Amino acid sequence: MTYDNGQSKTIKVPPTAPIVTFEKADKSIVMKGAPVFSITTRDGETLSARAVAIGKDGVVPPM
């Protein structure tokens, strides 16, 4: 990794580290027992989800 100030650092990633990406999905991916991570905001009594990540293929959010 090279920083804006010109310094660099080597980061070792083990071969067992999960490599993930986010993709849009419809509500059919939501299943009972699926691992979920959500970013929410509260306005008084109302709680709104800004983003929701649902685990897939054994990956559990937050990654």
PDB file of N, CA and C in Angstrom:
ATOM      1  N   MET A   1       0.842  -1.135   0.000  1.00  0.00           N
ATOM      2  CA  MET A   1       0.000   0.000   0.000  1.00  0.00           C
ATOM      3  C   MET A   1       0.899   1.212   0.000  1.00  0.00           C
ATOM      4  N   THR A   2       0.593   2.198  -0.855  1.00  0.00           N
ATOM      5  CA  THR A   2       1.350   3.448  -0.902  1.00  0.00           C
ATOM      6  C   THR A   2       0.436   4.586  -0.475  1.00  0.00           C
ATOM      7  N   TYR A   3       0.897   5.367   0.470  1.00  0.00           N
ATOM      8  CA  TYR A   3       0.120   6.482   0.996  1.00  0.00           C
ATOM      9  C   TYR A   3       0.390   7.750   0.198  1.00  0.00           C
ATOM     10  N   ASP A   4      -0.470   8.754   0.377  1.00  0.00           N
ATOM     11  CA  ASP A   4      -0.324  10.028  -0.329  1.00  0.00           C
ATOM     12  C   ASP A   4       1.005  10.717  -0.037  1.00  0.00           C
ATOM     13  N   ASN A   5       1.568  10.471   1.139  1.00  0.00           N
ATOM     14  CA  ASN A   5       2.828  11.124   1.517  1.00  0.00           C
ATOM     15  C   ASN A   5       4.057  10.389   0.961  1.00  0.00           C
ATOM     16  N   GLY A   6       3.846   9.347   0.130  1.00  0.00           N
ATOM     17  CA  GLY A   6       4.953   8.630  -0.481  1.00  0.00           C
ATOM     18  C   GLY A   6       5.428   7.419   0.300  1.00  0.00           C
ATOM     19  N   GLN A   7       5.013   7.292   1.548  1.00  0.00           N
ATOM     20  CA  GLN A   7       5.397   6.131   2.335  1.00  0.00           C
ATOM     21  C   GLN A   7       4.603   4.918   1.860  1.00  0.00           C
ATOM     22  N   SER A   8       5.188   3.748   2.052  1.00  0.00           N
ATOM     23  CA  SER A   8       4.482   2.533   1.649  1.00  0.00           C
ATOM     24  C   SER A   8       4.613   1.480   2.733  1.00  0.00           C
ATOM     25  N   LYS A   9       3.725   0.515   2.677  1.00  0.00           N
ATOM     26  CA  LYS A   9       3.719  -0.560   3.648  1.00  0.00           C
ATOM     27  C   LYS A   9       3.217  -1.816   2.954  1.00  0.00           C
ATOM     28  N   THR A  10       3.842  -2.949   3.262  1.00  0.00           N
ATOM     29  CA  THR A  10       3.401  -4.230   2.717  1.00  0.00           C
ATOM     30  C   THR A  10       2.398  -4.849   3.676  1.00  0.00           C
ATOM     31  N   ILE A  11       1.280  -5.268   3.133  1.00  0.00           N
ATOM     32  CA  ILE A  11       0.238  -5.899   3.929  1.00  0.00           C
ATOM     33  C   ILE A  11       0.088  -7.333   3.440  1.00  0.00           C
ATOM     34  N   LYS A  12       0.234  -8.282   4.344  1.00  0.00           N
ATOM     35  CA  LYS A  12       0.105  -9.693   3.980  1.00  0.00           C
ATOM     36  C   LYS A  12      -1.332 -10.141   4.218  1.00  0.00           C
ATOM     37  N   VAL A  13      -1.950 -10.718   3.202  1.00  0.00           N
ATOM     38  CA  VAL A  13      -3.306 -11.236   3.293  1.00  0.00           C
ATOM     39  C   VAL A  13      -3.214 -12.754   3.197  1.00  0.00           C
ATOM     40  N   PRO A  14      -3.682 -13.459   4.229  1.00  0.00           N
ATOM     41  CA  PRO A  14      -3.595 -14.922   4.187  1.00  0.00           C
ATOM     42  C   PRO A  14      -4.500 -15.494   3.097  1.00  0.00           C
ATOM     43  N   PRO A  15      -4.113 -16.625   2.529  1.00  0.00           N
ATOM     44  CA  PRO A  15      -4.919 -17.216   1.453  1.00  0.00           C
ATOM     45  C   PRO A  15      -6.321 -17.637   1.890  1.00  0.00           C
ATOM     46  N   THR A  16      -6.550 -17.723   3.194  1.00  0.00           N
ATOM     47  CA  THR A  16      -7.867 -18.109   3.697  1.00  0.00           C
ATOM     48  C   THR A  16      -8.790 -16.909   3.936  1.00  0.00           C
ATOM     49  N   ALA A  17      -8.281 -15.687   3.712  1.00  0.00           N
ATOM     50  CA  ALA A  17      -9.100 -14.489   3.932  1.00  0.00           C
ATOM     51  C   ALA A  17     -10.209 -14.417   2.890  1.00  0.00           C
ATOM     52  N   PRO A  18     -11.462 -14.197   3.335  1.00  0.00           N
ATOM     53  CA  PRO A  18     -12.542 -14.095   2.357  1.00  0.00           C
ATOM     54  C   PRO A  18     -12.440 -12.788   1.573  1.00  0.00           C
ATOM     55  N   ILE A  19     -12.597 -12.890   0.280  1.00  0.00           N
ATOM     56  CA  ILE A  19     -12.634 -11.713  -0.585  1.00  0.00           C
ATOM     57  C   ILE A  19     -14.104 -11.506  -0.934  1.00  0.00           C
ATOM     58  N   VAL A  20     -14.640 -10.346  -0.573  1.00  0.00           N
ATOM     59  CA  VAL A  20     -16.074 -10.119  -0.741  1.00  0.00           C
ATOM     60  C   VAL A  20     -16.340  -8.899  -1.606  1.00  0.00           C
ATOM     61  N   THR A  21     -17.542  -8.842  -2.126  1.00  0.00           N
ATOM     62  CA  THR A  21     -18.020  -7.674  -2.846  1.00  0.00           C
ATOM     63  C   THR A  21     -19.486  -7.491  -2.512  1.00  0.00           C
ATOM     64  N   PHE A  22     -19.976  -6.299  -2.680  1.00  0.00           N
ATOM     65  CA  PHE A  22     -21.385  -6.033  -2.446  1.00  0.00           C
ATOM     66  C   PHE A  22     -22.103  -6.008  -3.777  1.00  0.00           C
ATOM     67  N   GLU A  23     -23.309  -6.540  -3.793  1.00  0.00           N
ATOM     68  CA  GLU A  23     -24.122  -6.511  -4.997  1.00  0.00           C
ATOM     69  C   GLU A  23     -25.570  -6.286  -4.594  1.00  0.00           C
ATOM     70  N   LYS A  24     -26.315  -5.665  -5.483  1.00  0.00           N
ATOM     71  CA  LYS A  24     -27.734  -5.451  -5.220  1.00  0.00           C
ATOM     72  C   LYS A  24     -28.453  -6.794  -5.255  1.00  0.00           C
ATOM     73  N   ALA A  25     -29.478  -6.904  -4.445  1.00  0.00           N
ATOM     74  CA  ALA A  25     -30.273  -8.131  -4.408  1.00  0.00           C
ATOM     75  C   ALA A  25     -31.720  -7.761  -4.133  1.00  0.00           C
ATOM     76  N   ASP A  26     -32.608  -8.659  -4.487  1.00  0.00           N
ATOM     77  CA  ASP A  26     -34.005  -8.412  -4.144  1.00  0.00           C
ATOM     78  C   ASP A  26     -34.299  -9.081  -2.803  1.00  0.00           C
ATOM     79  N   LYS A  27     -35.499  -8.888  -2.319  1.00  0.00           N
ATOM     80  CA  LYS A  27     -35.816  -9.364  -0.975  1.00  0.00           C
ATOM     81  C   LYS A  27     -35.857 -10.881  -0.837  1.00  0.00           C
ATOM     82  N   SER A  28     -35.748 -11.616  -1.934  1.00  0.00           N
ATOM     83  CA  SER A  28     -35.756 -13.076  -1.837  1.00  0.00           C
ATOM     84  C   SER A  28     -34.521 -13.620  -1.126  1.00  0.00           C
ATOM     85  N   ILE A  29     -33.464 -12.823  -1.015  1.00  0.00           N
ATOM     86  CA  ILE A  29     -32.243 -13.264  -0.327  1.00  0.00           C
ATOM     87  C   ILE A  29     -32.429 -13.281   1.197  1.00  0.00           C
ATOM     88  N   VAL A  30     -33.429 -12.561   1.687  1.00  0.00           N
ATOM     89  CA  VAL A  30     -33.688 -12.514   3.125  1.00  0.00           C
ATOM     90  C   VAL A  30     -34.371 -13.807   3.546  1.00  0.00           C
ATOM     91  N   MET A  31     -33.693 -14.559   4.407  1.00  0.00           N
ATOM     92  CA  MET A  31     -34.228 -15.830   4.882  1.00  0.00           C
ATOM     93  C   MET A  31     -34.086 -15.906   6.396  1.00  0.00           C
ATOM     94  N   LYS A  32     -34.957 -16.662   7.007  1.00  0.00           N
ATOM     95  CA  LYS A  32     -34.889 -16.862   8.449  1.00  0.00           C
ATOM     96  C   LYS A  32     -33.531 -17.440   8.814  1.00  0.00           C
ATOM     97  N   GLY A  33     -32.872 -16.810   9.791  1.00  0.00           N
ATOM     98  CA  GLY A  33     -31.579 -17.280  10.273  1.00  0.00           C
ATOM     99  C   GLY A  33     -30.380 -16.743   9.503  1.00  0.00           C
ATOM    100  N   ALA A  34     -30.611 -15.988   8.415  1.00  0.00           N
ATOM    101  CA  ALA A  34     -29.489 -15.432   7.645  1.00  0.00           C
ATOM    102  C   ALA A  34     -28.777 -14.371   8.480  1.00  0.00           C
ATOM    103  N   PRO A  35     -27.441 -14.371   8.467  1.00  0.00           N
ATOM    104  CA  PRO A  35     -26.708 -13.337   9.207  1.00  0.00           C
ATOM    105  C   PRO A  35     -26.889 -11.981   8.535  1.00  0.00           C
ATOM    106  N   VAL A  36     -27.172 -10.957   9.345  1.00  0.00           N
ATOM    107  CA  VAL A  36     -27.481  -9.627   8.816  1.00  0.00           C
ATOM    108  C   VAL A  36     -26.682  -8.573   9.561  1.00  0.00           C
ATOM    109  N   PHE A  37     -26.249  -7.544   8.832  1.00  0.00           N
ATOM    110  CA  PHE A  37     -25.617  -6.356   9.408  1.00  0.00           C
ATOM    111  C   PHE A  37     -26.321  -5.167   8.775  1.00  0.00           C
ATOM    112  N   SER A  38     -26.780  -4.223   9.582  1.00  0.00           N
ATOM    113  CA  SER A  38     -27.454  -3.059   9.009  1.00  0.00           C
ATOM    114  C   SER A  38     -26.900  -1.776   9.607  1.00  0.00           C
ATOM    115  N   ILE A  39     -26.888  -0.743   8.793  1.00  0.00           N
ATOM    116  CA  ILE A  39     -26.526   0.602   9.223  1.00  0.00           C
ATOM    117  C   ILE A  39     -27.842   1.359   9.299  1.00  0.00           C
ATOM    118  N   THR A  40     -28.172   1.844  10.481  1.00  0.00           N
ATOM    119  CA  THR A  40     -29.474   2.456  10.689  1.00  0.00           C
ATOM    120  C   THR A  40     -29.355   3.868  11.256  1.00  0.00           C
ATOM    121  N   THR A  41     -30.439   4.614  11.109  1.00  0.00           N
ATOM    122  CA  THR A  41     -30.553   5.922  11.747  1.00  0.00           C
ATOM    123  C   THR A  41     -31.866   5.952  12.507  1.00  0.00           C
ATOM    124  N   ARG A  42     -31.909   6.734  13.555  1.00  0.00           N
ATOM    125  CA  ARG A  42     -33.121   6.849  14.364  1.00  0.00           C
ATOM    126  C   ARG A  42     -33.586   8.304  14.332  1.00  0.00           C
ATOM    127  N   ASP A  43     -34.874   8.479  14.069  1.00  0.00           N
ATOM    128  CA  ASP A  43     -35.508   9.789  14.111  1.00  0.00           C
ATOM    129  C   ASP A  43     -36.698   9.663  15.046  1.00  0.00           C
ATOM    130  N   GLY A  44     -36.471   9.981  16.302  1.00  0.00           N
ATOM    131  CA  GLY A  44     -37.525   9.791  17.294  1.00  0.00           C
ATOM    132  C   GLY A  44     -37.803   8.315  17.493  1.00  0.00           C
ATOM    133  N   GLU A  45     -39.008   7.883  17.184  1.00  0.00           N
ATOM    134  CA  GLU A  45     -39.396   6.480  17.326  1.00  0.00           C
ATOM    135  C   GLU A  45     -39.150   5.671  16.057  1.00  0.00           C
ATOM    136  N   THR A  46     -38.771   6.332  14.971  1.00  0.00           N
ATOM    137  CA  THR A  46     -38.606   5.665  13.682  1.00  0.00           C
ATOM    138  C   THR A  46     -37.152   5.229  13.482  1.00  0.00           C
ATOM    139  N   LEU A  47     -36.954   3.970  13.140  1.00  0.00           N
ATOM    140  CA  LEU A  47     -35.636   3.423  12.854  1.00  0.00           C
ATOM    141  C   LEU A  47     -35.603   3.075  11.370  1.00  0.00           C
ATOM    142  N   SER A  48     -34.659   3.653  10.637  1.00  0.00           N
ATOM    143  CA  SER A  48     -34.571   3.438   9.187  1.00  0.00           C
ATOM    144  C   SER A  48     -33.233   2.816   8.835  1.00  0.00           C
ATOM    145  N   ALA A  49     -33.258   1.801   7.971  1.00  0.00           N
ATOM    146  CA  ALA A  49     -32.022   1.162   7.514  1.00  0.00           C
ATOM    147  C   ALA A  49     -31.466   1.945   6.341  1.00  0.00           C
ATOM    148  N   ARG A  50     -30.216   2.322   6.424  1.00  0.00           N
ATOM    149  CA  ARG A  50     -29.512   3.002   5.335  1.00  0.00           C
ATOM    150  C   ARG A  50     -28.870   1.989   4.400  1.00  0.00           C
ATOM    151  N   ALA A  51     -28.403   0.895   4.982  1.00  0.00           N
ATOM    152  CA  ALA A  51     -27.774  -0.175   4.208  1.00  0.00           C
ATOM    153  C   ALA A  51     -27.941  -1.474   4.979  1.00  0.00           C
ATOM    154  N   VAL A  52     -28.099  -2.560   4.255  1.00  0.00           N
ATOM    155  CA  VAL A  52     -28.239  -3.872   4.862  1.00  0.00           C
ATOM    156  C   VAL A  52     -27.327  -4.848   4.120  1.00  0.00           C
ATOM    157  N   ALA A  53     -26.517  -5.571   4.864  1.00  0.00           N
ATOM    158  CA  ALA A  53     -25.664  -6.613   4.287  1.00  0.00           C
ATOM    159  C   ALA A  53     -26.156  -7.950   4.831  1.00  0.00           C
ATOM    160  N   ILE A  54     -26.381  -8.892   3.934  1.00  0.00           N
ATOM    161  CA  ILE A  54     -26.854 -10.221   4.315  1.00  0.00           C
ATOM    162  C   ILE A  54     -25.807 -11.234   3.896  1.00  0.00           C
ATOM    163  N   GLY A  55     -25.422 -12.106   4.822  1.00  0.00           N
ATOM    164  CA  GLY A  55     -24.395 -13.106   4.536  1.00  0.00           C
ATOM    165  C   GLY A  55     -24.811 -14.067   3.449  1.00  0.00           C
ATOM    166  N   LYS A  56     -23.827 -14.532   2.698  1.00  0.00           N
ATOM    167  CA  LYS A  56     -24.083 -15.450   1.588  1.00  0.00           C
ATOM    168  C   LYS A  56     -22.890 -16.389   1.439  1.00  0.00           C
ATOM    169  N   ASP A  57     -23.146 -17.633   1.131  1.00  0.00           N
ATOM    170  CA  ASP A  57     -22.089 -18.623   0.885  1.00  0.00           C
ATOM    171  C   ASP A  57     -21.119 -18.739   2.057  1.00  0.00           C
ATOM    172  N   GLY A  58     -21.645 -18.653   3.279  1.00  0.00           N
ATOM    173  CA  GLY A  58     -20.818 -18.836   4.464  1.00  0.00           C
ATOM    174  C   GLY A  58     -20.128 -17.593   4.971  1.00  0.00           C
ATOM    175  N   VAL A  59     -20.227 -16.482   4.257  1.00  0.00           N
ATOM    176  CA  VAL A  59     -19.609 -15.235   4.715  1.00  0.00           C
ATOM    177  C   VAL A  59     -20.604 -14.519   5.632  1.00  0.00           C
ATOM    178  N   VAL A  60     -20.137 -14.123   6.808  1.00  0.00           N
ATOM    179  CA  VAL A  60     -20.994 -13.475   7.786  1.00  0.00           C
ATOM    180  C   VAL A  60     -20.601 -12.005   7.896  1.00  0.00           C
ATOM    181  N   PRO A  61     -21.540 -11.076   7.680  1.00  0.00           N
ATOM    182  CA  PRO A  61     -21.207  -9.656   7.822  1.00  0.00           C
ATOM    183  C   PRO A  61     -21.120  -9.278   9.295  1.00  0.00           C
ATOM    184  N   PRO A  62     -20.427  -8.210   9.688  1.00  0.00           N
ATOM    185  CA  PRO A  62     -19.587  -7.416   8.801  1.00  0.00           C
ATOM    186  C   PRO A  62     -18.314  -8.163   8.454  1.00  0.00           C
ATOM    187  N   MET A  63     -17.921  -8.020   7.232  1.00  0.00           N
ATOM    188  CA  MET A  63     -16.816  -8.801   6.696  1.00  0.00           C
ATOM    189  C   MET A  63     -15.514  -8.384   7.323  1.00  0.00           C
TER     190      MET A  63
END
